[in-house]
Amino acid sequence: MVRGKRGRPKKGTDTIGENPIGEMVGLEQLGELVGLSQFQVKEYQKDGVFFRDENTKKFDTRKNILSIIRHYRDKTSGSDTQRLRKAKADLAEVELFERRGELITLDNAKERAIDVFGALSRDLEELPMKVAPQLNPTDPQHAYDILNDEIKRVFKNCRTRIAKRYKMNNV
């Protein structure tokens, strides 16, 4: 294709004719027609967007232009459709869990966690008193102090981790 001073094709120099729709053209001409490089045309051909006649090794411009239009239409609207479909499926799943009673509120989850960790905390606080005499019968106070200090350290680490993780100040 020969271009004039302004970069436009000179009249009568188009390699694929005045009205290329419905013509059989080569790879380069199809690329020129749709504004793609030869490499891009080949890639779209591998992906099944462009196709050529196996006997003539030429591309039918009408079929391939329609194919690239469908490809871009499906690509843009398809992603929205897929997202909408996924969102609807996710919502249906949440509603199912709610109906089954398998979903709880955040406040309910906090209450349950407080109950569980409260019971665990009480058991751990009582542990040094229960086992210190068994660990060191001659000096149970020493065993008690070691266990108690270690349990306090664990509680402090847990509070620090929770406060950092959930950005809470009053843990």
N, C-alpha and C. Protein backbone atom coordinates (compact mmCIF):
# COMPACT_ATOMS: atom_id res chain seq x y z
N MET A 1 0.85 -1.16 0.00
CA MET A 1 0.00 0.00 0.00
C MET A 1 0.90 1.23 0.00
N VAL A 2 0.65 2.13 -0.88
CA VAL A 2 1.43 3.36 -0.99
C VAL A 2 0.68 4.45 -0.25
N ARG A 3 1.41 5.22 0.57
CA ARG A 3 0.77 6.27 1.36
C ARG A 3 1.21 7.63 0.85
N GLY A 4 0.29 8.57 0.96
CA GLY A 4 0.56 9.94 0.54
C GLY A 4 1.24 10.72 1.65
N LYS A 5 1.32 12.07 1.46
CA LYS A 5 2.00 12.94 2.43
C LYS A 5 1.36 12.90 3.81
N ARG A 6 0.08 12.79 3.86
CA ARG A 6 -0.63 12.79 5.14
C ARG A 6 -0.76 11.40 5.75
N GLY A 7 -0.13 10.41 5.21
CA GLY A 7 -0.16 9.06 5.75
C GLY A 7 -1.35 8.24 5.32
N ARG A 8 -2.21 8.81 4.49
CA ARG A 8 -3.38 8.08 4.02
C ARG A 8 -3.01 7.29 2.77
N PRO A 9 -3.67 6.17 2.55
CA PRO A 9 -3.37 5.39 1.34
C PRO A 9 -3.74 6.20 0.09
N LYS A 10 -2.87 6.15 -0.91
CA LYS A 10 -3.18 6.81 -2.18
C LYS A 10 -4.26 6.01 -2.88
N LYS A 11 -5.16 6.71 -3.52
CA LYS A 11 -6.27 6.07 -4.20
C LYS A 11 -5.75 5.10 -5.26
N GLY A 12 -6.31 3.90 -5.25
CA GLY A 12 -5.95 2.92 -6.26
C GLY A 12 -4.69 2.14 -5.92
N THR A 13 -4.10 2.35 -4.72
CA THR A 13 -2.88 1.62 -4.37
C THR A 13 -3.10 0.56 -3.30
N ASP A 14 -4.35 0.42 -2.85
CA ASP A 14 -4.67 -0.57 -1.84
C ASP A 14 -4.43 -1.97 -2.42
N THR A 15 -3.69 -2.78 -1.69
CA THR A 15 -3.32 -4.10 -2.22
C THR A 15 -4.48 -5.08 -2.20
N ILE A 16 -5.56 -4.74 -1.50
CA ILE A 16 -6.65 -5.70 -1.45
C ILE A 16 -7.92 -5.17 -2.12
N GLY A 17 -7.79 -4.14 -2.91
CA GLY A 17 -8.93 -3.67 -3.71
C GLY A 17 -9.77 -2.64 -3.00
N GLU A 18 -10.69 -2.07 -3.75
CA GLU A 18 -11.56 -1.02 -3.23
C GLU A 18 -12.53 -1.55 -2.19
N ASN A 19 -13.17 -2.66 -2.43
CA ASN A 19 -14.12 -3.24 -1.50
C ASN A 19 -13.67 -4.66 -1.19
N PRO A 20 -12.85 -4.83 -0.15
CA PRO A 20 -12.25 -6.14 0.11
C PRO A 20 -13.19 -7.15 0.76
N ILE A 21 -14.38 -6.74 1.17
CA ILE A 21 -15.27 -7.67 1.85
C ILE A 21 -15.68 -8.79 0.91
N GLY A 22 -15.48 -10.01 1.36
CA GLY A 22 -15.83 -11.18 0.56
C GLY A 22 -14.70 -11.69 -0.30
N GLU A 23 -13.57 -10.98 -0.32
CA GLU A 23 -12.42 -11.44 -1.12
C GLU A 23 -11.61 -12.45 -0.31
N MET A 24 -10.84 -13.21 -1.04
CA MET A 24 -9.88 -14.12 -0.42
C MET A 24 -8.54 -13.42 -0.46
N VAL A 25 -7.91 -13.24 0.72
CA VAL A 25 -6.66 -12.48 0.79
C VAL A 25 -5.63 -13.27 1.58
N GLY A 26 -4.39 -12.84 1.45
CA GLY A 26 -3.30 -13.46 2.19
C GLY A 26 -3.19 -12.90 3.60
N LEU A 27 -2.26 -13.44 4.35
CA LEU A 27 -2.03 -13.06 5.73
C LEU A 27 -1.74 -11.57 5.88
N GLU A 28 -0.85 -11.06 5.07
CA GLU A 28 -0.46 -9.64 5.15
C GLU A 28 -1.65 -8.73 4.85
N GLN A 29 -2.42 -9.06 3.82
CA GLN A 29 -3.56 -8.22 3.45
C GLN A 29 -4.63 -8.24 4.55
N LEU A 30 -4.88 -9.40 5.16
CA LEU A 30 -5.86 -9.46 6.24
C LEU A 30 -5.39 -8.60 7.41
N GLY A 31 -4.11 -8.67 7.71
CA GLY A 31 -3.55 -7.84 8.78
C GLY A 31 -3.75 -6.36 8.50
N GLU A 32 -3.48 -5.95 7.25
CA GLU A 32 -3.68 -4.55 6.88
C GLU A 32 -5.15 -4.15 7.02
N LEU A 33 -6.02 -5.03 6.62
CA LEU A 33 -7.45 -4.74 6.65
C LEU A 33 -7.97 -4.53 8.07
N VAL A 34 -7.52 -5.34 9.00
CA VAL A 34 -8.03 -5.25 10.37
C VAL A 34 -7.08 -4.53 11.31
N GLY A 35 -5.95 -4.03 10.80
CA GLY A 35 -5.03 -3.25 11.61
C GLY A 35 -4.18 -4.06 12.57
N LEU A 36 -3.79 -5.25 12.14
CA LEU A 36 -2.95 -6.11 12.97
C LEU A 36 -1.68 -6.49 12.22
N SER A 37 -0.65 -6.82 12.98
CA SER A 37 0.58 -7.29 12.36
C SER A 37 0.38 -8.73 11.90
N GLN A 38 1.30 -9.20 11.06
CA GLN A 38 1.22 -10.59 10.61
C GLN A 38 1.32 -11.55 11.79
N PHE A 39 2.17 -11.20 12.74
CA PHE A 39 2.31 -12.03 13.95
C PHE A 39 0.98 -12.13 14.69
N GLN A 40 0.30 -11.00 14.87
CA GLN A 40 -0.98 -11.00 15.57
C GLN A 40 -2.02 -11.82 14.82
N VAL A 41 -2.02 -11.71 13.50
CA VAL A 41 -2.97 -12.51 12.70
C VAL A 41 -2.70 -13.99 12.93
N LYS A 42 -1.42 -14.37 12.92
CA LYS A 42 -1.06 -15.78 13.16
C LYS A 42 -1.50 -16.24 14.55
N GLU A 43 -1.32 -15.38 15.55
CA GLU A 43 -1.72 -15.74 16.91
C GLU A 43 -3.24 -15.93 17.00
N TYR A 44 -3.98 -15.01 16.38
CA TYR A 44 -5.44 -15.15 16.37
C TYR A 44 -5.85 -16.40 15.60
N GLN A 45 -5.08 -16.74 14.59
CA GLN A 45 -5.38 -17.96 13.82
C GLN A 45 -5.17 -19.19 14.73
N LYS A 46 -4.09 -19.19 15.51
CA LYS A 46 -3.84 -20.30 16.44
C LYS A 46 -4.96 -20.41 17.47
N ASP A 47 -5.49 -19.25 17.88
CA ASP A 47 -6.56 -19.22 18.90
C ASP A 47 -7.93 -19.52 18.31
N GLY A 48 -8.00 -19.70 16.99
CA GLY A 48 -9.27 -20.03 16.36
C GLY A 48 -10.15 -18.84 16.03
N VAL A 49 -9.59 -17.62 16.12
CA VAL A 49 -10.37 -16.43 15.78
C VAL A 49 -10.35 -16.24 14.26
N PHE A 50 -9.17 -16.32 13.67
CA PHE A 50 -9.05 -16.24 12.21
C PHE A 50 -8.89 -17.64 11.67
N PHE A 51 -9.42 -17.85 10.48
CA PHE A 51 -9.25 -19.15 9.84
C PHE A 51 -9.14 -18.94 8.34
N ARG A 52 -8.43 -19.84 7.69
CA ARG A 52 -8.22 -19.70 6.24
C ARG A 52 -8.62 -20.98 5.54
N ASP A 53 -8.83 -20.85 4.27
CA ASP A 53 -9.17 -21.99 3.43
C ASP A 53 -7.91 -22.84 3.29
N GLU A 54 -8.01 -24.10 3.61
CA GLU A 54 -6.84 -24.98 3.59
C GLU A 54 -6.34 -25.27 2.17
N ASN A 55 -7.22 -25.19 1.19
CA ASN A 55 -6.80 -25.44 -0.19
C ASN A 55 -6.03 -24.26 -0.77
N THR A 56 -6.59 -23.05 -0.61
CA THR A 56 -5.95 -21.87 -1.21
C THR A 56 -5.00 -21.17 -0.26
N LYS A 57 -5.07 -21.50 1.03
CA LYS A 57 -4.26 -20.86 2.07
C LYS A 57 -4.56 -19.36 2.17
N LYS A 58 -5.78 -18.98 1.80
CA LYS A 58 -6.20 -17.57 1.83
C LYS A 58 -7.29 -17.40 2.88
N PHE A 59 -7.46 -16.15 3.30
CA PHE A 59 -8.47 -15.82 4.31
C PHE A 59 -9.67 -15.16 3.63
N ASP A 60 -10.86 -15.60 3.96
CA ASP A 60 -12.09 -14.97 3.48
C ASP A 60 -12.29 -13.74 4.36
N THR A 61 -12.20 -12.55 3.77
CA THR A 61 -12.26 -11.32 4.57
C THR A 61 -13.58 -11.17 5.31
N ARG A 62 -14.68 -11.48 4.68
CA ARG A 62 -15.98 -11.31 5.33
C ARG A 62 -16.08 -12.18 6.58
N LYS A 63 -15.78 -13.46 6.45
CA LYS A 63 -15.89 -14.38 7.58
C LYS A 63 -14.93 -14.00 8.72
N ASN A 64 -13.71 -13.60 8.35
CA ASN A 64 -12.72 -13.28 9.38
C ASN A 64 -12.99 -11.94 10.06
N ILE A 65 -13.52 -10.98 9.33
CA ILE A 65 -13.89 -9.71 9.97
C ILE A 65 -15.03 -9.94 10.96
N LEU A 66 -16.02 -10.71 10.55
CA LEU A 66 -17.12 -11.04 11.47
C LEU A 66 -16.59 -11.80 12.69
N SER A 67 -15.63 -12.68 12.46
CA SER A 67 -15.07 -13.47 13.55
C SER A 67 -14.33 -12.60 14.55
N ILE A 68 -13.54 -11.63 14.08
CA ILE A 68 -12.78 -10.78 15.00
C ILE A 68 -13.74 -9.85 15.75
N ILE A 69 -14.80 -9.41 15.09
CA ILE A 69 -15.81 -8.57 15.77
C ILE A 69 -16.47 -9.38 16.88
N ARG A 70 -16.89 -10.61 16.58
CA ARG A 70 -17.50 -11.48 17.60
C ARG A 70 -16.53 -11.74 18.75
N HIS A 71 -15.26 -11.95 18.39
CA HIS A 71 -14.25 -12.23 19.41
C HIS A 71 -14.15 -11.06 20.39
N TYR A 72 -14.03 -9.84 19.88
CA TYR A 72 -13.91 -8.69 20.77
C TYR A 72 -15.21 -8.41 21.51
N ARG A 73 -16.35 -8.62 20.87
CA ARG A 73 -17.64 -8.43 21.54
C ARG A 73 -17.77 -9.41 22.70
N ASP A 74 -17.46 -10.67 22.43
CA ASP A 74 -17.57 -11.69 23.48
C ASP A 74 -16.56 -11.46 24.59
N LYS A 75 -15.39 -10.98 24.21
CA LYS A 75 -14.34 -10.75 25.19
C LYS A 75 -14.73 -9.65 26.16
N THR A 76 -15.33 -8.58 25.66
CA THR A 76 -15.69 -7.47 26.54
C THR A 76 -16.98 -7.75 27.29
N SER A 77 -18.01 -8.21 26.60
CA SER A 77 -19.28 -8.44 27.30
C SER A 77 -19.25 -9.76 28.06
N GLY A 78 -18.45 -10.71 27.60
CA GLY A 78 -18.38 -12.01 28.26
C GLY A 78 -17.83 -11.91 29.66
N SER A 79 -16.83 -11.05 29.87
CA SER A 79 -16.24 -10.95 31.20
C SER A 79 -17.26 -10.37 32.18
N ASP A 80 -18.07 -9.40 31.73
CA ASP A 80 -19.11 -8.86 32.59
C ASP A 80 -20.16 -9.92 32.90
N THR A 81 -20.51 -10.68 31.88
CA THR A 81 -21.51 -11.74 32.06
C THR A 81 -20.98 -12.80 33.02
N GLN A 82 -19.73 -13.17 32.86
CA GLN A 82 -19.14 -14.17 33.74
C GLN A 82 -19.09 -13.68 35.19
N ARG A 83 -18.72 -12.40 35.37
CA ARG A 83 -18.68 -11.85 36.73
C ARG A 83 -20.06 -11.83 37.36
N LEU A 84 -21.06 -11.43 36.57
CA LEU A 84 -22.42 -11.40 37.07
C LEU A 84 -22.89 -12.80 37.43
N ARG A 85 -22.58 -13.77 36.57
CA ARG A 85 -22.96 -15.16 36.82
C ARG A 85 -22.30 -15.67 38.10
N LYS A 86 -21.02 -15.35 38.29
CA LYS A 86 -20.30 -15.78 39.49
C LYS A 86 -20.87 -15.10 40.73
N ALA A 87 -21.17 -13.82 40.64
CA ALA A 87 -21.73 -13.11 41.79
C ALA A 87 -23.08 -13.71 42.18
N LYS A 88 -23.90 -14.03 41.20
CA LYS A 88 -25.21 -14.64 41.49
C LYS A 88 -25.02 -16.01 42.15
N ALA A 89 -24.06 -16.79 41.65
CA ALA A 89 -23.80 -18.12 42.23
C ALA A 89 -23.29 -17.98 43.67
N ASP A 90 -22.41 -17.00 43.91
CA ASP A 90 -21.90 -16.77 45.27
C ASP A 90 -23.03 -16.37 46.21
N LEU A 91 -23.90 -15.49 45.75
CA LEU A 91 -25.03 -15.06 46.56
C LEU A 91 -25.96 -16.23 46.88
N ALA A 92 -26.22 -17.06 45.89
CA ALA A 92 -27.07 -18.23 46.11
C ALA A 92 -26.44 -19.17 47.14
N GLU A 93 -25.12 -19.32 47.10
CA GLU A 93 -24.44 -20.17 48.05
C GLU A 93 -24.55 -19.60 49.47
N VAL A 94 -24.38 -18.30 49.61
CA VAL A 94 -24.50 -17.66 50.93
C VAL A 94 -25.92 -17.84 51.46
N GLU A 95 -26.91 -17.63 50.60
CA GLU A 95 -28.30 -17.80 51.02
C GLU A 95 -28.59 -19.24 51.45
N LEU A 96 -27.99 -20.19 50.76
CA LEU A 96 -28.15 -21.60 51.13
C LEU A 96 -27.56 -21.86 52.52
N PHE A 97 -26.36 -21.36 52.77
CA PHE A 97 -25.73 -21.52 54.08
C PHE A 97 -26.57 -20.87 55.18
N GLU A 98 -27.17 -19.71 54.87
CA GLU A 98 -28.04 -19.03 55.84
C GLU A 98 -29.24 -19.90 56.17
N ARG A 99 -29.89 -20.45 55.13
CA ARG A 99 -31.07 -21.30 55.35
C ARG A 99 -30.73 -22.53 56.18
N ARG A 100 -29.56 -23.10 55.95
CA ARG A 100 -29.14 -24.29 56.69
C ARG A 100 -28.69 -23.97 58.12
N GLY A 101 -28.51 -22.69 58.39
CA GLY A 101 -28.02 -22.29 59.71
C GLY A 101 -26.52 -22.47 59.84
N GLU A 102 -25.82 -22.56 58.72
CA GLU A 102 -24.37 -22.76 58.73
C GLU A 102 -23.61 -21.44 58.68
N LEU A 103 -24.33 -20.35 58.66
CA LEU A 103 -23.71 -19.03 58.58
C LEU A 103 -24.07 -18.28 59.85
N ILE A 104 -23.09 -17.66 60.49
CA ILE A 104 -23.38 -16.90 61.70
C ILE A 104 -22.92 -15.47 61.52
N THR A 105 -23.46 -14.58 62.33
CA THR A 105 -23.08 -13.17 62.23
C THR A 105 -21.71 -12.97 62.86
N LEU A 106 -21.11 -11.84 62.56
CA LEU A 106 -19.81 -11.51 63.14
C LEU A 106 -19.91 -11.39 64.65
N ASP A 107 -20.97 -10.76 65.14
CA ASP A 107 -21.15 -10.63 66.59
C ASP A 107 -21.28 -12.00 67.25
N ASN A 108 -22.01 -12.91 66.61
CA ASN A 108 -22.17 -14.26 67.14
C ASN A 108 -20.82 -14.97 67.15
N ALA A 109 -20.05 -14.80 66.11
CA ALA A 109 -18.72 -15.43 66.05
C ALA A 109 -17.82 -14.88 67.15
N LYS A 110 -17.89 -13.58 67.40
CA LYS A 110 -17.09 -12.97 68.48
C LYS A 110 -17.49 -13.54 69.83
N GLU A 111 -18.80 -13.66 70.05
CA GLU A 111 -19.29 -14.23 71.32
C GLU A 111 -18.78 -15.65 71.52
N ARG A 112 -18.86 -16.45 70.46
CA ARG A 112 -18.39 -17.84 70.55
C ARG A 112 -16.89 -17.90 70.83
N ALA A 113 -16.13 -17.04 70.16
CA ALA A 113 -14.68 -17.01 70.37
C ALA A 113 -14.35 -16.60 71.80
N ILE A 114 -15.07 -15.61 72.32
CA ILE A 114 -14.84 -15.16 73.69
C ILE A 114 -15.15 -16.30 74.67
N ASP A 115 -16.24 -17.04 74.42
CA ASP A 115 -16.58 -18.18 75.29
C ASP A 115 -15.48 -19.24 75.29
N VAL A 116 -15.02 -19.60 74.08
CA VAL A 116 -14.01 -20.65 73.96
C VAL A 116 -12.69 -20.20 74.59
N PHE A 117 -12.25 -18.98 74.24
CA PHE A 117 -10.97 -18.51 74.78
C PHE A 117 -11.07 -18.20 76.27
N GLY A 118 -12.27 -17.84 76.74
CA GLY A 118 -12.45 -17.63 78.18
C GLY A 118 -12.26 -18.91 78.94
N ALA A 119 -12.86 -19.98 78.46
CA ALA A 119 -12.72 -21.29 79.11
C ALA A 119 -11.26 -21.75 79.06
N LEU A 120 -10.62 -21.58 77.93
CA LEU A 120 -9.21 -21.95 77.80
C LEU A 120 -8.34 -21.14 78.75
N SER A 121 -8.62 -19.86 78.86
CA SER A 121 -7.87 -18.99 79.74
C SER A 121 -8.00 -19.43 81.20
N ARG A 122 -9.23 -19.73 81.62
CA ARG A 122 -9.44 -20.18 83.01
C ARG A 122 -8.68 -21.48 83.28
N ASP A 123 -8.75 -22.41 82.35
CA ASP A 123 -8.05 -23.69 82.53
C ASP A 123 -6.54 -23.48 82.63
N LEU A 124 -6.00 -22.62 81.78
CA LEU A 124 -4.55 -22.37 81.81
C LEU A 124 -4.13 -21.64 83.09
N GLU A 125 -4.97 -20.74 83.58
CA GLU A 125 -4.64 -20.02 84.81
C GLU A 125 -4.63 -20.96 86.02
N GLU A 126 -5.46 -21.99 85.99
CA GLU A 126 -5.52 -22.96 87.10
C GLU A 126 -4.42 -24.02 87.00
N LEU A 127 -3.82 -24.15 85.84
CA LEU A 127 -2.84 -25.21 85.60
C LEU A 127 -1.65 -25.18 86.56
N PRO A 128 -1.00 -24.03 86.79
CA PRO A 128 0.16 -24.05 87.69
C PRO A 128 -0.17 -24.56 89.09
N MET A 129 -1.33 -24.17 89.61
CA MET A 129 -1.73 -24.59 90.97
C MET A 129 -1.94 -26.11 91.02
N LYS A 130 -2.49 -26.67 89.92
CA LYS A 130 -2.79 -28.11 89.91
C LYS A 130 -1.53 -28.97 89.74
N VAL A 131 -0.62 -28.54 88.87
CA VAL A 131 0.50 -29.43 88.53
C VAL A 131 1.83 -29.09 89.21
N ALA A 132 1.94 -27.90 89.80
CA ALA A 132 3.21 -27.52 90.43
C ALA A 132 3.66 -28.53 91.48
N PRO A 133 2.78 -28.99 92.37
CA PRO A 133 3.23 -29.97 93.37
C PRO A 133 3.70 -31.29 92.76
N GLN A 134 3.15 -31.66 91.62
CA GLN A 134 3.56 -32.91 90.96
C GLN A 134 4.89 -32.73 90.23
N LEU A 135 5.13 -31.52 89.71
CA LEU A 135 6.36 -31.28 88.97
C LEU A 135 7.58 -31.14 89.90
N ASN A 136 7.36 -30.50 91.02
CA ASN A 136 8.48 -30.29 91.95
C ASN A 136 7.95 -30.43 93.39
N PRO A 137 7.86 -31.66 93.89
CA PRO A 137 7.29 -31.87 95.22
C PRO A 137 8.08 -31.19 96.34
N THR A 138 9.37 -31.02 96.18
CA THR A 138 10.18 -30.39 97.23
C THR A 138 10.04 -28.87 97.23
N ASP A 139 9.79 -28.25 96.02
CA ASP A 139 9.61 -26.79 95.95
C ASP A 139 8.50 -26.46 94.96
N PRO A 140 7.25 -26.71 95.33
CA PRO A 140 6.14 -26.48 94.41
C PRO A 140 5.99 -25.00 94.01
N GLN A 141 6.42 -24.10 94.92
CA GLN A 141 6.30 -22.67 94.61
C GLN A 141 7.17 -22.30 93.40
N HIS A 142 8.35 -22.90 93.33
CA HIS A 142 9.27 -22.64 92.20
C HIS A 142 8.63 -23.11 90.89
N ALA A 143 8.06 -24.30 90.87
CA ALA A 143 7.39 -24.83 89.67
C ALA A 143 6.18 -23.95 89.32
N TYR A 144 5.45 -23.53 90.36
CA TYR A 144 4.29 -22.66 90.14
C TYR A 144 4.71 -21.35 89.46
N ASP A 145 5.77 -20.72 89.96
CA ASP A 145 6.25 -19.45 89.41
C ASP A 145 6.67 -19.58 87.95
N ILE A 146 7.38 -20.66 87.64
CA ILE A 146 7.84 -20.88 86.26
C ILE A 146 6.64 -21.06 85.32
N LEU A 147 5.72 -21.93 85.71
CA LEU A 147 4.53 -22.17 84.87
C LEU A 147 3.69 -20.91 84.73
N ASN A 148 3.46 -20.23 85.84
CA ASN A 148 2.63 -19.03 85.83
C ASN A 148 3.23 -17.94 84.94
N ASP A 149 4.55 -17.74 85.04
CA ASP A 149 5.22 -16.73 84.21
C ASP A 149 5.11 -17.08 82.72
N GLU A 150 5.26 -18.36 82.42
CA GLU A 150 5.19 -18.79 81.01
C GLU A 150 3.77 -18.62 80.46
N ILE A 151 2.77 -18.94 81.26
CA ILE A 151 1.38 -18.77 80.81
C ILE A 151 1.07 -17.29 80.61
N LYS A 152 1.54 -16.42 81.50
CA LYS A 152 1.34 -14.97 81.34
C LYS A 152 2.01 -14.47 80.06
N ARG A 153 3.22 -15.00 79.76
CA ARG A 153 3.93 -14.61 78.53
C ARG A 153 3.13 -15.02 77.30
N VAL A 154 2.56 -16.21 77.31
CA VAL A 154 1.76 -16.70 76.18
C VAL A 154 0.53 -15.82 76.00
N PHE A 155 -0.16 -15.49 77.10
CA PHE A 155 -1.33 -14.61 77.01
C PHE A 155 -0.95 -13.24 76.43
N LYS A 156 0.17 -12.70 76.89
CA LYS A 156 0.61 -11.39 76.40
C LYS A 156 0.90 -11.45 74.90
N ASN A 157 1.59 -12.50 74.45
CA ASN A 157 1.87 -12.66 73.02
C ASN A 157 0.58 -12.78 72.20
N CYS A 158 -0.36 -13.52 72.72
CA CYS A 158 -1.65 -13.67 72.02
C CYS A 158 -2.35 -12.33 71.90
N ARG A 159 -2.41 -11.57 73.00
CA ARG A 159 -3.05 -10.25 72.95
C ARG A 159 -2.36 -9.34 71.94
N THR A 160 -1.03 -9.37 71.92
CA THR A 160 -0.28 -8.53 70.98
C THR A 160 -0.57 -8.91 69.54
N ARG A 161 -0.57 -10.22 69.25
CA ARG A 161 -0.85 -10.69 67.89
C ARG A 161 -2.26 -10.32 67.45
N ILE A 162 -3.21 -10.51 68.35
CA ILE A 162 -4.61 -10.18 68.02
C ILE A 162 -4.74 -8.68 67.78
N ALA A 163 -4.13 -7.89 68.64
CA ALA A 163 -4.22 -6.43 68.49
C ALA A 163 -3.60 -5.98 67.17
N LYS A 164 -2.47 -6.55 66.81
CA LYS A 164 -1.84 -6.19 65.52
C LYS A 164 -2.68 -6.66 64.35
N ARG A 165 -3.16 -7.88 64.43
CA ARG A 165 -3.91 -8.47 63.32
C ARG A 165 -5.21 -7.74 63.07
N TYR A 166 -5.89 -7.38 64.12
CA TYR A 166 -7.20 -6.78 63.96
C TYR A 166 -7.21 -5.30 64.32
N LYS A 167 -6.01 -4.74 64.54
CA LYS A 167 -5.86 -3.32 64.84
C LYS A 167 -6.78 -2.88 65.97
N MET A 168 -6.74 -3.66 67.03
CA MET A 168 -7.58 -3.38 68.18
C MET A 168 -6.72 -2.77 69.28
N ASN A 169 -7.27 -1.85 70.02
CA ASN A 169 -6.51 -1.20 71.07
C ASN A 169 -6.85 -1.74 72.46
N ASN A 170 -8.04 -2.26 72.63
CA ASN A 170 -8.48 -2.66 73.98
C ASN A 170 -8.56 -4.18 74.13
N VAL A 171 -7.48 -4.86 73.82
CA VAL A 171 -7.46 -6.32 73.95
C VAL A 171 -6.90 -6.68 75.30
